[in-house]
Amino acid sequence: MSVVKPILSTEFKVSGRVQGVFFRKYTKGEADRLGLVGWVRNEQDGSVYGKIQGSADAVNQMKSWLQNKGSPMSKITSTNFLNEQTLDKFEYQDFRIVR
């Protein structure tokens, strides 16, 4: 009997110097490395917004990355997580950069 792990889903908003520094590209790379699905995009206010879904462990690793690391040239001033919930199934097939 296999145990189905719950899927954690959360939206994120990262502020600071996060546009024009390959933040979305590095976010996709990290999400792919952790096996997460979802999306990321630039916002009009200069922030980066997105949604991640996966195991609690992978989502928590990604949350730490979004708060503390980011892309090499970025300067993160704040990261907010919104609408965190547990899902029965994934809403996305992969992780994408959306425009």
C-alpha atoms as a PDB file:
ATOM      1  CA  MET A   1       0.000   0.000   0.000  1.00  0.00           C
ATOM      2  CA  SER A   2       1.512   3.326  -1.047  1.00  0.00           C
ATOM      3  CA  VAL A   3       1.108   6.439   1.031  1.00  0.00           C
ATOM      4  CA  VAL A   4       0.032   9.497  -0.951  1.00  0.00           C
ATOM      5  CA  LYS A   5       1.844  12.588   0.261  1.00  0.00           C
ATOM      6  CA  PRO A   6      -0.260  15.734   0.350  1.00  0.00           C
ATOM      7  CA  ILE A   7       0.544  18.430  -2.177  1.00  0.00           C
ATOM      8  CA  LEU A   8       1.354  21.803  -0.669  1.00  0.00           C
ATOM      9  CA  SER A   9       0.497  24.877  -2.735  1.00  0.00           C
ATOM     10  CA  THR A  10       1.446  28.485  -2.044  1.00  0.00           C
ATOM     11  CA  GLU A  11       1.667  31.755  -3.913  1.00  0.00           C
ATOM     12  CA  PHE A  12       4.664  34.040  -3.395  1.00  0.00           C
ATOM     13  CA  LYS A  13       5.595  37.665  -3.940  1.00  0.00           C
ATOM     14  CA  VAL A  14       9.254  38.659  -3.838  1.00  0.00           C
ATOM     15  CA  SER A  15      10.220  42.340  -3.680  1.00  0.00           C
ATOM     16  CA  GLY A  16      13.554  44.115  -4.050  1.00  0.00           C
ATOM     17  CA  ARG A  17      15.919  44.084  -7.011  1.00  0.00           C
ATOM     18  CA  VAL A  18      14.334  41.028  -8.627  1.00  0.00           C
ATOM     19  CA  GLN A  19      13.641  42.136 -12.195  1.00  0.00           C
ATOM     20  CA  GLY A  20      16.373  42.327 -14.833  1.00  0.00           C
ATOM     21  CA  VAL A  21      18.610  40.000 -12.778  1.00  0.00           C
ATOM     22  CA  PHE A  22      17.439  36.628 -14.188  1.00  0.00           C
ATOM     23  CA  PHE A  23      15.324  35.999 -11.063  1.00  0.00           C
ATOM     24  CA  ARG A  24      12.590  34.150 -12.979  1.00  0.00           C
ATOM     25  CA  LYS A  25      15.144  31.975 -14.798  1.00  0.00           C
ATOM     26  CA  TYR A  26      16.853  30.980 -11.534  1.00  0.00           C
ATOM     27  CA  THR A  27      13.460  30.441  -9.862  1.00  0.00           C
ATOM     28  CA  LYS A  28      12.502  28.016 -12.636  1.00  0.00           C
ATOM     29  CA  GLY A  29      15.843  26.223 -12.293  1.00  0.00           C
ATOM     30  CA  GLU A  30      15.399  25.809  -8.540  1.00  0.00           C
ATOM     31  CA  ALA A  31      11.755  24.701  -8.905  1.00  0.00           C
ATOM     32  CA  ASP A  32      12.775  22.126 -11.524  1.00  0.00           C
ATOM     33  CA  ARG A  33      15.608  20.884  -9.288  1.00  0.00           C
ATOM     34  CA  LEU A  34      13.165  20.426  -6.383  1.00  0.00           C
ATOM     35  CA  GLY A  35      10.474  18.783  -8.557  1.00  0.00           C
ATOM     36  CA  LEU A  36       7.954  21.594  -8.092  1.00  0.00           C
ATOM     37  CA  VAL A  37       5.284  22.742 -10.529  1.00  0.00           C
ATOM     38  CA  GLY A  38       3.711  26.172 -10.963  1.00  0.00           C
ATOM     39  CA  TRP A  39       4.702  29.466 -12.538  1.00  0.00           C
ATOM     40  CA  VAL A  40       6.505  32.789 -12.031  1.00  0.00           C
ATOM     41  CA  ARG A  41       6.082  36.227 -13.625  1.00  0.00           C
ATOM     42  CA  ASN A  42       7.228  39.837 -13.326  1.00  0.00           C
ATOM     43  CA  GLU A  43       4.708  42.298 -11.887  1.00  0.00           C
ATOM     44  CA  GLN A  44       4.178  45.950 -12.850  1.00  0.00           C
ATOM     45  CA  ASP A  45       5.344  47.100  -9.395  1.00  0.00           C
ATOM     46  CA  GLY A  46       8.810  45.580  -9.891  1.00  0.00           C
ATOM     47  CA  SER A  47       8.150  42.463  -7.818  1.00  0.00           C
ATOM     48  CA  VAL A  48       8.083  38.832  -8.915  1.00  0.00           C
ATOM     49  CA  TYR A  49       4.925  36.791  -8.281  1.00  0.00           C
ATOM     50  CA  GLY A  50       4.273  33.099  -8.652  1.00  0.00           C
ATOM     51  CA  LYS A  51       2.808  29.859  -7.424  1.00  0.00           C
ATOM     52  CA  ILE A  52       4.561  26.645  -6.378  1.00  0.00           C
ATOM     53  CA  GLN A  53       3.162  23.189  -5.708  1.00  0.00           C
ATOM     54  CA  GLY A  54       4.833  20.019  -4.482  1.00  0.00           C
ATOM     55  CA  SER A  55       5.770  18.052  -1.379  1.00  0.00           C
ATOM     56  CA  ALA A  56       5.922  20.028   1.872  1.00  0.00           C
ATOM     57  CA  ASP A  57       9.678  19.436   2.072  1.00  0.00           C
ATOM     58  CA  ALA A  58      10.319  20.750  -1.460  1.00  0.00           C
ATOM     59  CA  VAL A  59       7.973  23.730  -1.006  1.00  0.00           C
ATOM     60  CA  ASN A  60       9.698  24.656   2.270  1.00  0.00           C
ATOM     61  CA  GLN A  61      13.132  24.452   0.597  1.00  0.00           C
ATOM     62  CA  MET A  62      11.850  26.712  -2.197  1.00  0.00           C
ATOM     63  CA  LYS A  63      10.374  29.169   0.315  1.00  0.00           C
ATOM     64  CA  SER A  64      13.775  29.457   1.989  1.00  0.00           C
ATOM     65  CA  TRP A  65      15.435  29.967  -1.419  1.00  0.00           C
ATOM     66  CA  LEU A  66      12.898  32.700  -2.323  1.00  0.00           C
ATOM     67  CA  GLN A  67      13.503  34.484   1.000  1.00  0.00           C
ATOM     68  CA  ASN A  68      17.262  34.156   1.309  1.00  0.00           C
ATOM     69  CA  LYS A  69      18.970  33.389  -1.982  1.00  0.00           C
ATOM     70  CA  GLY A  70      17.320  34.200  -5.320  1.00  0.00           C
ATOM     71  CA  SER A  71      19.434  34.819  -8.403  1.00  0.00           C
ATOM     72  CA  PRO A  72      23.097  35.829  -7.966  1.00  0.00           C
ATOM     73  CA  MET A  73      22.488  39.510  -8.832  1.00  0.00           C
ATOM     74  CA  SER A  74      19.171  39.914  -6.996  1.00  0.00           C
ATOM     75  CA  LYS A  75      18.653  41.773  -3.727  1.00  0.00           C
ATOM     76  CA  ILE A  76      15.585  40.464  -1.912  1.00  0.00           C
ATOM     77  CA  THR A  77      14.001  42.933   0.502  1.00  0.00           C
ATOM     78  CA  SER A  78      10.834  40.958   1.332  1.00  0.00           C
ATOM     79  CA  THR A  79       9.074  37.734   0.472  1.00  0.00           C
ATOM     80  CA  ASN A  80       5.417  37.067   1.244  1.00  0.00           C
ATOM     81  CA  PHE A  81       3.601  33.754   0.983  1.00  0.00           C
ATOM     82  CA  LEU A  82      -0.153  33.785   0.378  1.00  0.00           C
ATOM     83  CA  ASN A  83      -3.029  31.330   0.016  1.00  0.00           C
ATOM     84  CA  GLU A  84      -1.119  28.316   1.330  1.00  0.00           C
ATOM     85  CA  GLN A  85      -3.234  25.177   1.079  1.00  0.00           C
ATOM     86  CA  THR A  86      -3.124  21.425   0.702  1.00  0.00           C
ATOM     87  CA  LEU A  87      -4.340  19.935  -2.593  1.00  0.00           C
ATOM     88  CA  ASP A  88      -5.426  16.461  -3.691  1.00  0.00           C
ATOM     89  CA  LYS A  89      -3.833  16.848  -7.128  1.00  0.00           C
ATOM     90  CA  PHE A  90      -1.485  19.167  -8.993  1.00  0.00           C
ATOM     91  CA  GLU A  91      -2.960  22.116 -10.902  1.00  0.00           C
ATOM     92  CA  TYR A  92       0.052  22.295 -13.261  1.00  0.00           C
ATOM     93  CA  GLN A  93       2.189  19.834 -15.240  1.00  0.00           C
ATOM     94  CA  ASP A  94       5.506  21.674 -14.925  1.00  0.00           C
ATOM     95  CA  PHE A  95       7.056  24.975 -13.860  1.00  0.00           C
ATOM     96  CA  ARG A  96       6.896  27.899 -16.300  1.00  0.00           C
ATOM     97  CA  ILE A  97       7.915  31.460 -16.708  1.00  0.00           C
ATOM     98  CA  VAL A  98       4.815  33.402 -17.756  1.00  0.00           C
ATOM     99  CA  ARG A  99       4.729  36.878 -19.228  1.00  0.00           C
END
